[in-house]
PDB file of N, CA and C in Angstrom:
ATOM      1  N   MET A   1       0.851  -1.173   0.000  1.00  0.00           N
ATOM      2  CA  MET A   1       0.000   0.000   0.000  1.00  0.00           C
ATOM      3  C   MET A   1       0.896   1.234   0.000  1.00  0.00           C
ATOM      4  N   THR A   2       0.820   2.002  -1.051  1.00  0.00           N
ATOM      5  CA  THR A   2       1.586   3.238  -1.126  1.00  0.00           C
ATOM      6  C   THR A   2       0.629   4.412  -1.207  1.00  0.00           C
ATOM      7  N   ILE A   3       1.038   5.489  -0.578  1.00  0.00           N
ATOM      8  CA  ILE A   3       0.239   6.706  -0.593  1.00  0.00           C
ATOM      9  C   ILE A   3       1.208   7.883  -0.600  1.00  0.00           C
ATOM     10  N   SER A   4       0.862   8.908  -1.340  1.00  0.00           N
ATOM     11  CA  SER A   4       1.729  10.082  -1.425  1.00  0.00           C
ATOM     12  C   SER A   4       1.621  10.908  -0.147  1.00  0.00           C
ATOM     13  N   LEU A   5       2.560  11.817   0.032  1.00  0.00           N
ATOM     14  CA  LEU A   5       2.551  12.676   1.213  1.00  0.00           C
ATOM     15  C   LEU A   5       1.301  13.547   1.244  1.00  0.00           C
ATOM     16  N   SER A   6       0.932  14.096   0.078  1.00  0.00           N
ATOM     17  CA  SER A   6      -0.279  14.927   0.036  1.00  0.00           C
ATOM     18  C   SER A   6      -1.526  14.083   0.318  1.00  0.00           C
ATOM     19  N   GLY A   7      -1.550  12.833  -0.148  1.00  0.00           N
ATOM     20  CA  GLY A   7      -2.670  11.941   0.147  1.00  0.00           C
ATOM     21  C   GLY A   7      -2.748  11.606   1.618  1.00  0.00           C
ATOM     22  N   LEU A   8      -1.578  11.407   2.245  1.00  0.00           N
ATOM     23  CA  LEU A   8      -1.549  11.111   3.675  1.00  0.00           C
ATOM     24  C   LEU A   8      -2.040  12.294   4.494  1.00  0.00           C
ATOM     25  N   ILE A   9      -1.618  13.485   4.130  1.00  0.00           N
ATOM     26  CA  ILE A   9      -2.072  14.687   4.845  1.00  0.00           C
ATOM     27  C   ILE A   9      -3.575  14.864   4.675  1.00  0.00           C
ATOM     28  N   LEU A  10      -4.073  14.655   3.467  1.00  0.00           N
ATOM     29  CA  LEU A  10      -5.511  14.757   3.224  1.00  0.00           C
ATOM     30  C   LEU A  10      -6.278  13.708   4.029  1.00  0.00           C
ATOM     31  N   LEU A  11      -5.744  12.504   4.088  1.00  0.00           N
ATOM     32  CA  LEU A  11      -6.370  11.430   4.859  1.00  0.00           C
ATOM     33  C   LEU A  11      -6.420  11.775   6.348  1.00  0.00           C
ATOM     34  N   ILE A  12      -5.363  12.349   6.869  1.00  0.00           N
ATOM     35  CA  ILE A  12      -5.320  12.749   8.279  1.00  0.00           C
ATOM     36  C   ILE A  12      -6.321  13.862   8.556  1.00  0.00           C
ATOM     37  N   VAL A  13      -6.427  14.824   7.647  1.00  0.00           N
ATOM     38  CA  VAL A  13      -7.392  15.923   7.827  1.00  0.00           C
ATOM     39  C   VAL A  13      -8.823  15.391   7.804  1.00  0.00           C
ATOM     40  N   ILE A  14      -9.122  14.498   6.868  1.00  0.00           N
ATOM     41  CA  ILE A  14     -10.472  13.921   6.785  1.00  0.00           C
ATOM     42  C   ILE A  14     -10.774  13.088   8.028  1.00  0.00           C
ATOM     43  N   ALA A  15      -9.803  12.319   8.513  1.00  0.00           N
ATOM     44  CA  ALA A  15      -9.997  11.533   9.734  1.00  0.00           C
ATOM     45  C   ALA A  15     -10.227  12.435  10.935  1.00  0.00           C
ATOM     46  N   ALA A  16      -9.526  13.569  10.997  1.00  0.00           N
ATOM     47  CA  ALA A  16      -9.713  14.512  12.100  1.00  0.00           C
ATOM     48  C   ALA A  16     -11.127  15.094  12.093  1.00  0.00           C
ATOM     49  N   VAL A  17     -11.613  15.449  10.915  1.00  0.00           N
ATOM     50  CA  VAL A  17     -12.968  16.001  10.812  1.00  0.00           C
ATOM     51  C   VAL A  17     -14.003  14.940  11.191  1.00  0.00           C
ATOM     52  N   CYS A  18     -13.836  13.720  10.684  1.00  0.00           N
ATOM     53  CA  CYS A  18     -14.775  12.635  11.017  1.00  0.00           C
ATOM     54  C   CYS A  18     -14.747  12.328  12.514  1.00  0.00           C
ATOM     55  N   GLY A  19     -13.559  12.307  13.106  1.00  0.00           N
ATOM     56  CA  GLY A  19     -13.443  12.064  14.544  1.00  0.00           C
ATOM     57  C   GLY A  19     -14.067  13.174  15.370  1.00  0.00           C
ATOM     58  N   ALA A  20     -13.878  14.418  14.949  1.00  0.00           N
ATOM     59  CA  ALA A  20     -14.465  15.549  15.670  1.00  0.00           C
ATOM     60  C   ALA A  20     -15.988  15.516  15.597  1.00  0.00           C
ATOM     61  N   ILE A  21     -16.529  15.168  14.445  1.00  0.00           N
ATOM     62  CA  ILE A  21     -17.985  15.056  14.314  1.00  0.00           C
ATOM     63  C   ILE A  21     -18.497  13.903  15.175  1.00  0.00           C
ATOM     64  N   GLY A  22     -17.782  12.783  15.178  1.00  0.00           N
ATOM     65  CA  GLY A  22     -18.162  11.651  16.031  1.00  0.00           C
ATOM     66  C   GLY A  22     -18.124  12.006  17.502  1.00  0.00           C
ATOM     67  N   LYS A  23     -17.112  12.787  17.918  1.00  0.00           N
ATOM     68  CA  LYS A  23     -17.041  13.250  19.311  1.00  0.00           C
ATOM     69  C   LYS A  23     -18.235  14.133  19.645  1.00  0.00           C
ATOM     70  N   ALA A  24     -18.599  15.000  18.731  1.00  0.00           N
ATOM     71  CA  ALA A  24     -19.714  15.917  18.971  1.00  0.00           C
ATOM     72  C   ALA A  24     -21.049  15.171  19.056  1.00  0.00           C
ATOM     73  N   ILE A  25     -21.203  14.120  18.275  1.00  0.00           N
ATOM     74  CA  ILE A  25     -22.452  13.357  18.295  1.00  0.00           C
ATOM     75  C   ILE A  25     -22.608  12.580  19.597  1.00  0.00           C
ATOM     76  N   ALA A  26     -21.538  11.905  20.016  1.00  0.00           N
ATOM     77  CA  ALA A  26     -21.639  10.996  21.162  1.00  0.00           C
ATOM     78  C   ALA A  26     -21.374  11.671  22.498  1.00  0.00           C
ATOM     79  N   GLY A  27     -20.875  12.856  22.508  1.00  0.00           N
ATOM     80  CA  GLY A  27     -20.535  13.516  23.755  1.00  0.00           C
ATOM     81  C   GLY A  27     -19.050  13.787  23.758  1.00  0.00           C
ATOM     82  N   ASP A  28     -18.688  14.954  24.218  1.00  0.00           N
ATOM     83  CA  ASP A  28     -17.303  15.384  24.104  1.00  0.00           C
ATOM     84  C   ASP A  28     -16.358  14.528  24.933  1.00  0.00           C
ATOM     85  N   VAL A  29     -15.217  14.252  24.349  1.00  0.00           N
ATOM     86  CA  VAL A  29     -14.129  13.541  25.003  1.00  0.00           C
ATOM     87  C   VAL A  29     -12.991  14.528  25.134  1.00  0.00           C
ATOM     88  N   GLN A  30     -12.291  14.475  26.249  1.00  0.00           N
ATOM     89  CA  GLN A  30     -11.163  15.386  26.394  1.00  0.00           C
ATOM     90  C   GLN A  30     -10.098  15.041  25.374  1.00  0.00           C
ATOM     91  N   GLY A  31      -9.481  16.031  24.869  1.00  0.00           N
ATOM     92  CA  GLY A  31      -8.452  15.843  23.854  1.00  0.00           C
ATOM     93  C   GLY A  31      -8.707  16.776  22.703  1.00  0.00           C
ATOM     94  N   GLY A  32      -7.701  16.943  21.907  1.00  0.00           N
ATOM     95  CA  GLY A  32      -7.811  17.866  20.802  1.00  0.00           C
ATOM     96  C   GLY A  32      -7.681  17.190  19.463  1.00  0.00           C
ATOM     97  N   LEU A  33      -6.776  17.713  18.673  1.00  0.00           N
ATOM     98  CA  LEU A  33      -6.606  17.268  17.302  1.00  0.00           C
ATOM     99  C   LEU A  33      -6.160  15.811  17.212  1.00  0.00           C
ATOM    100  N   ILE A  34      -5.215  15.417  18.036  1.00  0.00           N
ATOM    101  CA  ILE A  34      -4.694  14.050  17.982  1.00  0.00           C
ATOM    102  C   ILE A  34      -5.789  13.042  18.336  1.00  0.00           C
ATOM    103  N   VAL A  35      -6.594  13.358  19.331  1.00  0.00           N
ATOM    104  CA  VAL A  35      -7.700  12.473  19.710  1.00  0.00           C
ATOM    105  C   VAL A  35      -8.719  12.385  18.590  1.00  0.00           C
ATOM    106  N   SER A  36      -9.003  13.499  17.933  1.00  0.00           N
ATOM    107  CA  SER A  36      -9.946  13.492  16.811  1.00  0.00           C
ATOM    108  C   SER A  36      -9.424  12.647  15.657  1.00  0.00           C
ATOM    109  N   ILE A  37      -8.131  12.754  15.365  1.00  0.00           N
ATOM    110  CA  ILE A  37      -7.540  11.948  14.301  1.00  0.00           C
ATOM    111  C   ILE A  37      -7.637  10.469  14.644  1.00  0.00           C
ATOM    112  N   ALA A  38      -7.276  10.131  15.887  1.00  0.00           N
ATOM    113  CA  ALA A  38      -7.344   8.729  16.311  1.00  0.00           C
ATOM    114  C   ALA A  38      -8.773   8.211  16.243  1.00  0.00           C
ATOM    115  N   LEU A  39      -9.730   9.008  16.699  1.00  0.00           N
ATOM    116  CA  LEU A  39     -11.133   8.588  16.641  1.00  0.00           C
ATOM    117  C   LEU A  39     -11.604   8.419  15.203  1.00  0.00           C
ATOM    118  N   GLY A  40     -11.137   9.271  14.300  1.00  0.00           N
ATOM    119  CA  GLY A  40     -11.499   9.143  12.888  1.00  0.00           C
ATOM    120  C   GLY A  40     -11.003   7.834  12.298  1.00  0.00           C
ATOM    121  N   PHE A  41      -9.761   7.449  12.621  1.00  0.00           N
ATOM    122  CA  PHE A  41      -9.227   6.197  12.100  1.00  0.00           C
ATOM    123  C   PHE A  41      -9.861   4.980  12.780  1.00  0.00           C
ATOM    124  N   ILE A  42     -10.115   5.073  14.080  1.00  0.00           N
ATOM    125  CA  ILE A  42     -10.816   3.975  14.765  1.00  0.00           C
ATOM    126  C   ILE A  42     -12.221   3.829  14.196  1.00  0.00           C
ATOM    127  N   GLY A  43     -12.886   4.948  13.955  1.00  0.00           N
ATOM    128  CA  GLY A  43     -14.210   4.915  13.344  1.00  0.00           C
ATOM    129  C   GLY A  43     -14.187   4.334  11.947  1.00  0.00           C
ATOM    130  N   ALA A  44     -13.096   4.584  11.208  1.00  0.00           N
ATOM    131  CA  ALA A  44     -12.975   4.036   9.851  1.00  0.00           C
ATOM    132  C   ALA A  44     -12.796   2.524   9.867  1.00  0.00           C
ATOM    133  N   ILE A  45     -12.359   1.987  10.976  1.00  0.00           N
ATOM    134  CA  ILE A  45     -12.252   0.529  11.126  1.00  0.00           C
ATOM    135  C   ILE A  45     -13.545  -0.041  11.691  1.00  0.00           C
ATOM    136  N   LEU A  46     -14.061   0.585  12.754  1.00  0.00           N
ATOM    137  CA  LEU A  46     -15.245   0.072  13.449  1.00  0.00           C
ATOM    138  C   LEU A  46     -16.527   0.250  12.638  1.00  0.00           C
ATOM    139  N   GLY A  47     -16.700   1.407  12.017  1.00  0.00           N
ATOM    140  CA  GLY A  47     -17.929   1.706  11.283  1.00  0.00           C
ATOM    141  C   GLY A  47     -18.225   0.742  10.144  1.00  0.00           C
ATOM    142  N   PRO A  48     -17.282   0.534   9.220  1.00  0.00           N
ATOM    143  CA  PRO A  48     -17.547  -0.417   8.128  1.00  0.00           C
ATOM    144  C   PRO A  48     -17.742  -1.850   8.625  1.00  0.00           C
ATOM    145  N   TRP A  49     -17.088  -2.196   9.718  1.00  0.00           N
ATOM    146  CA  TRP A  49     -17.270  -3.533  10.283  1.00  0.00           C
ATOM    147  C   TRP A  49     -18.718  -3.716  10.759  1.00  0.00           C
ATOM    148  N   VAL A  50     -19.255  -2.705  11.451  1.00  0.00           N
ATOM    149  CA  VAL A  50     -20.651  -2.746  11.903  1.00  0.00           C
ATOM    150  C   VAL A  50     -21.591  -2.758  10.699  1.00  0.00           C
ATOM    151  N   ALA A  51     -21.301  -1.934   9.699  1.00  0.00           N
ATOM    152  CA  ALA A  51     -22.138  -1.876   8.501  1.00  0.00           C
ATOM    153  C   ALA A  51     -22.154  -3.210   7.767  1.00  0.00           C
ATOM    154  N   GLN A  52     -21.000  -3.856   7.681  1.00  0.00           N
ATOM    155  CA  GLN A  52     -20.932  -5.150   7.015  1.00  0.00           C
ATOM    156  C   GLN A  52     -21.686  -6.212   7.810  1.00  0.00           C
ATOM    157  N   ALA A  53     -21.596  -6.158   9.132  1.00  0.00           N
ATOM    158  CA  ALA A  53     -22.308  -7.122   9.971  1.00  0.00           C
ATOM    159  C   ALA A  53     -23.819  -6.963   9.830  1.00  0.00           C
ATOM    160  N   LEU A  54     -24.280  -5.726   9.649  1.00  0.00           N
ATOM    161  CA  LEU A  54     -25.712  -5.455   9.492  1.00  0.00           C
ATOM    162  C   LEU A  54     -26.157  -5.456   8.032  1.00  0.00           C
ATOM    163  N   LYS A  55     -25.217  -5.746   7.119  1.00  0.00           N
ATOM    164  CA  LYS A  55     -25.474  -5.782   5.678  1.00  0.00           C
ATOM    165  C   LYS A  55     -26.022  -4.449   5.153  1.00  0.00           C
ATOM    166  N   LEU A  56     -25.379  -3.352   5.575  1.00  0.00           N
ATOM    167  CA  LEU A  56     -25.760  -2.015   5.139  1.00  0.00           C
ATOM    168  C   LEU A  56     -24.782  -1.522   4.080  1.00  0.00           C
ATOM    169  N   PRO A  57     -25.240  -0.719   3.137  1.00  0.00           N
ATOM    170  CA  PRO A  57     -24.348  -0.239   2.072  1.00  0.00           C
ATOM    171  C   PRO A  57     -23.444   0.896   2.564  1.00  0.00           C
ATOM    172  N   GLU A  58     -22.440   1.192   1.784  1.00  0.00           N
ATOM    173  CA  GLU A  58     -21.544   2.321   2.058  1.00  0.00           C
ATOM    174  C   GLU A  58     -21.967   3.483   1.166  1.00  0.00           C
ATOM    175  N   PRO A  59     -22.728   4.449   1.711  1.00  0.00           N
ATOM    176  CA  PRO A  59     -23.276   5.498   0.856  1.00  0.00           C
ATOM    177  C   PRO A  59     -22.296   6.607   0.475  1.00  0.00           C
ATOM    178  N   PHE A  60     -21.244   6.848   1.254  1.00  0.00           N
ATOM    179  CA  PHE A  60     -20.368   7.984   0.975  1.00  0.00           C
ATOM    180  C   PHE A  60     -18.921   7.614   1.265  1.00  0.00           C
ATOM    181  N   THR A  61     -18.153   7.380   0.208  1.00  0.00           N
ATOM    182  CA  THR A  61     -16.753   7.007   0.319  1.00  0.00           C
ATOM    183  C   THR A  61     -15.921   7.955  -0.534  1.00  0.00           C
ATOM    184  N   ILE A  62     -14.792   8.369  -0.001  1.00  0.00           N
ATOM    185  CA  ILE A  62     -13.866   9.205  -0.746  1.00  0.00           C
ATOM    186  C   ILE A  62     -12.630   8.367  -1.047  1.00  0.00           C
ATOM    187  N   ALA A  63     -12.173   8.391  -2.287  1.00  0.00           N
ATOM    188  CA  ALA A  63     -10.955   7.687  -2.669  1.00  0.00           C
ATOM    189  C   ALA A  63      -9.783   8.657  -2.614  1.00  0.00           C
ATOM    190  N   ILE A  64      -8.778   8.303  -1.829  1.00  0.00           N
ATOM    191  CA  ILE A  64      -7.575   9.114  -1.702  1.00  0.00           C
ATOM    192  C   ILE A  64      -6.407   8.276  -2.191  1.00  0.00           C
ATOM    193  N   ASP A  65      -5.791   8.698  -3.258  1.00  0.00           N
ATOM    194  CA  ASP A  65      -4.711   7.940  -3.907  1.00  0.00           C
ATOM    195  C   ASP A  65      -5.132   6.508  -4.221  1.00  0.00           C
ATOM    196  N   GLY A  66      -6.389   6.335  -4.565  1.00  0.00           N
ATOM    197  CA  GLY A  66      -6.891   5.010  -4.924  1.00  0.00           C
ATOM    198  C   GLY A  66      -7.329   4.165  -3.749  1.00  0.00           C
ATOM    199  N   HIS A  67      -7.254   4.689  -2.530  1.00  0.00           N
ATOM    200  CA  HIS A  67      -7.656   3.958  -1.331  1.00  0.00           C
ATOM    201  C   HIS A  67      -8.954   4.558  -0.793  1.00  0.00           C
ATOM    202  N   PRO A  68      -9.992   3.751  -0.614  1.00  0.00           N
ATOM    203  CA  PRO A  68     -11.277   4.301  -0.154  1.00  0.00           C
ATOM    204  C   PRO A  68     -11.246   4.647   1.332  1.00  0.00           C
ATOM    205  N   PHE A  69     -11.912   5.731   1.681  1.00  0.00           N
ATOM    206  CA  PHE A  69     -12.095   6.123   3.084  1.00  0.00           C
ATOM    207  C   PHE A  69     -13.582   6.321   3.302  1.00  0.00           C
ATOM    208  N   PRO A  70     -14.206   5.499   4.171  1.00  0.00           N
ATOM    209  CA  PRO A  70     -15.659   5.573   4.386  1.00  0.00           C
ATOM    210  C   PRO A  70     -16.033   6.735   5.310  1.00  0.00           C
ATOM    211  N   ILE A  71     -16.514   7.813   4.743  1.00  0.00           N
ATOM    212  CA  ILE A  71     -16.813   9.017   5.518  1.00  0.00           C
ATOM    213  C   ILE A  71     -17.949   8.788   6.507  1.00  0.00           C
ATOM    214  N   LEU A  72     -19.111   8.381   6.015  1.00  0.00           N
ATOM    215  CA  LEU A  72     -20.282   8.226   6.878  1.00  0.00           C
ATOM    216  C   LEU A  72     -20.051   7.181   7.967  1.00  0.00           C
ATOM    217  N   TRP A  73     -19.511   6.025   7.593  1.00  0.00           N
ATOM    218  CA  TRP A  73     -19.304   4.976   8.596  1.00  0.00           C
ATOM    219  C   TRP A  73     -18.152   5.300   9.530  1.00  0.00           C
ATOM    220  N   SER A  74     -17.233   6.136   9.109  1.00  0.00           N
ATOM    221  CA  SER A  74     -16.169   6.591   9.998  1.00  0.00           C
ATOM    222  C   SER A  74     -16.738   7.475  11.106  1.00  0.00           C
ATOM    223  N   ILE A  75     -17.651   8.355  10.735  1.00  0.00           N
ATOM    224  CA  ILE A  75     -18.306   9.216  11.730  1.00  0.00           C
ATOM    225  C   ILE A  75     -19.140   8.374  12.692  1.00  0.00           C
ATOM    226  N   ILE A  76     -19.928   7.452  12.153  1.00  0.00           N
ATOM    227  CA  ILE A  76     -20.762   6.592  12.989  1.00  0.00           C
ATOM    228  C   ILE A  76     -19.896   5.697  13.876  1.00  0.00           C
ATOM    229  N   GLY A  77     -18.827   5.144  13.327  1.00  0.00           N
ATOM    230  CA  GLY A  77     -17.926   4.312  14.112  1.00  0.00           C
ATOM    231  C   GLY A  77     -17.251   5.083  15.229  1.00  0.00           C
ATOM    232  N   ALA A  78     -16.837   6.323  14.956  1.00  0.00           N
ATOM    233  CA  ALA A  78     -16.226   7.163  15.990  1.00  0.00           C
ATOM    234  C   ALA A  78     -17.233   7.475  17.086  1.00  0.00           C
ATOM    235  N   ALA A  79     -18.471   7.782  16.706  1.00  0.00           N
ATOM    236  CA  ALA A  79     -19.510   8.059  17.707  1.00  0.00           C
ATOM    237  C   ALA A  79     -19.798   6.819  18.555  1.00  0.00           C
ATOM    238  N   LEU A  80     -19.846   5.652  17.930  1.00  0.00           N
ATOM    239  CA  LEU A  80     -20.055   4.409  18.688  1.00  0.00           C
ATOM    240  C   LEU A  80     -18.902   4.137  19.642  1.00  0.00           C
ATOM    241  N   PHE A  81     -17.678   4.396  19.187  1.00  0.00           N
ATOM    242  CA  PHE A  81     -16.519   4.172  20.042  1.00  0.00           C
ATOM    243  C   PHE A  81     -16.518   5.119  21.234  1.00  0.00           C
ATOM    244  N   VAL A  82     -16.859   6.396  21.013  1.00  0.00           N
ATOM    245  CA  VAL A  82     -16.940   7.366  22.110  1.00  0.00           C
ATOM    246  C   VAL A  82     -18.051   6.976  23.081  1.00  0.00           C
ATOM    247  N   ALA A  83     -19.195   6.547  22.564  1.00  0.00           N
ATOM    248  CA  ALA A  83     -20.288   6.103  23.435  1.00  0.00           C
ATOM    249  C   ALA A  83     -19.870   4.890  24.256  1.00  0.00           C
ATOM    250  N   PHE A  84     -19.134   3.973  23.654  1.00  0.00           N
ATOM    251  CA  PHE A  84     -18.630   2.794  24.359  1.00  0.00           C
ATOM    252  C   PHE A  84     -17.657   3.202  25.462  1.00  0.00           C
ATOM    253  N   ILE A  85     -16.787   4.167  25.175  1.00  0.00           N
ATOM    254  CA  ILE A  85     -15.860   4.663  26.190  1.00  0.00           C
ATOM    255  C   ILE A  85     -16.623   5.306  27.341  1.00  0.00           C
ATOM    256  N   HIS A  86     -17.629   6.120  27.024  1.00  0.00           N
ATOM    257  CA  HIS A  86     -18.433   6.754  28.075  1.00  0.00           C
ATOM    258  C   HIS A  86     -19.168   5.719  28.925  1.00  0.00           C
ATOM    259  N   LEU A  87     -19.618   4.665  28.296  1.00  0.00           N
ATOM    260  CA  LEU A  87     -20.372   3.628  29.009  1.00  0.00           C
ATOM    261  C   LEU A  87     -19.518   2.959  30.082  1.00  0.00           C
ATOM    262  N   PHE A  88     -18.259   2.706  29.778  1.00  0.00           N
ATOM    263  CA  PHE A  88     -17.409   1.984  30.713  1.00  0.00           C
ATOM    264  C   PHE A  88     -16.486   2.863  31.541  1.00  0.00           C
ATOM    265  N   SER A  89     -16.468   4.164  31.311  1.00  0.00           N
ATOM    266  CA  SER A  89     -15.572   5.026  32.077  1.00  0.00           C
ATOM    267  C   SER A  89     -16.296   5.931  33.060  1.00  0.00           C
ATOM    268  N   ARG A  90     -17.570   5.767  33.199  1.00  0.00           N
ATOM    269  CA  ARG A  90     -18.305   6.611  34.152  1.00  0.00           C
ATOM    270  C   ARG A  90     -18.001   6.177  35.573  1.00  0.00           C
ATOM    271  N   ARG A  91     -17.901   7.150  36.430  1.00  0.00           N
ATOM    272  CA  ARG A  91     -17.653   6.850  37.834  1.00  0.00           C
ATOM    273  C   ARG A  91     -18.939   6.414  38.506  1.00  0.00           C
ATOM    274  N   ARG A  92     -18.816   5.417  39.298  1.00  0.00           N
ATOM    275  CA  ARG A  92     -19.959   4.952  40.081  1.00  0.00           C
ATOM    276  C   ARG A  92     -19.814   5.506  41.498  1.00  0.00           C
ATOM    277  N   TRP A  93     -20.757   6.300  41.944  1.00  0.00           N
ATOM    278  CA  TRP A  93     -20.670   6.891  43.283  1.00  0.00           C
ATOM    279  C   TRP A  93     -21.308   6.027  44.298  1.00  0.00           C
TER     280      TRP A  93
END
């Protein structure tokens, strides 16, 4: 798998935006740009996996240097991951 430097930067920016939107949907998580990027990439793994398990189509994908990036499922996957983190990290008083 090869990707150009400009493609990698574009991929990181898109992952950051998807992660930030996922954070906003599920509830804010502490962290900034790096956390948003990580959430975007985790969402890009988790989201399509959930979609495939439920036999749902991929409605919005962007190809960067010939490699697809699932925008919609990345956002949904990031939101699911943040919700999962919130579920298990809440303090019990």
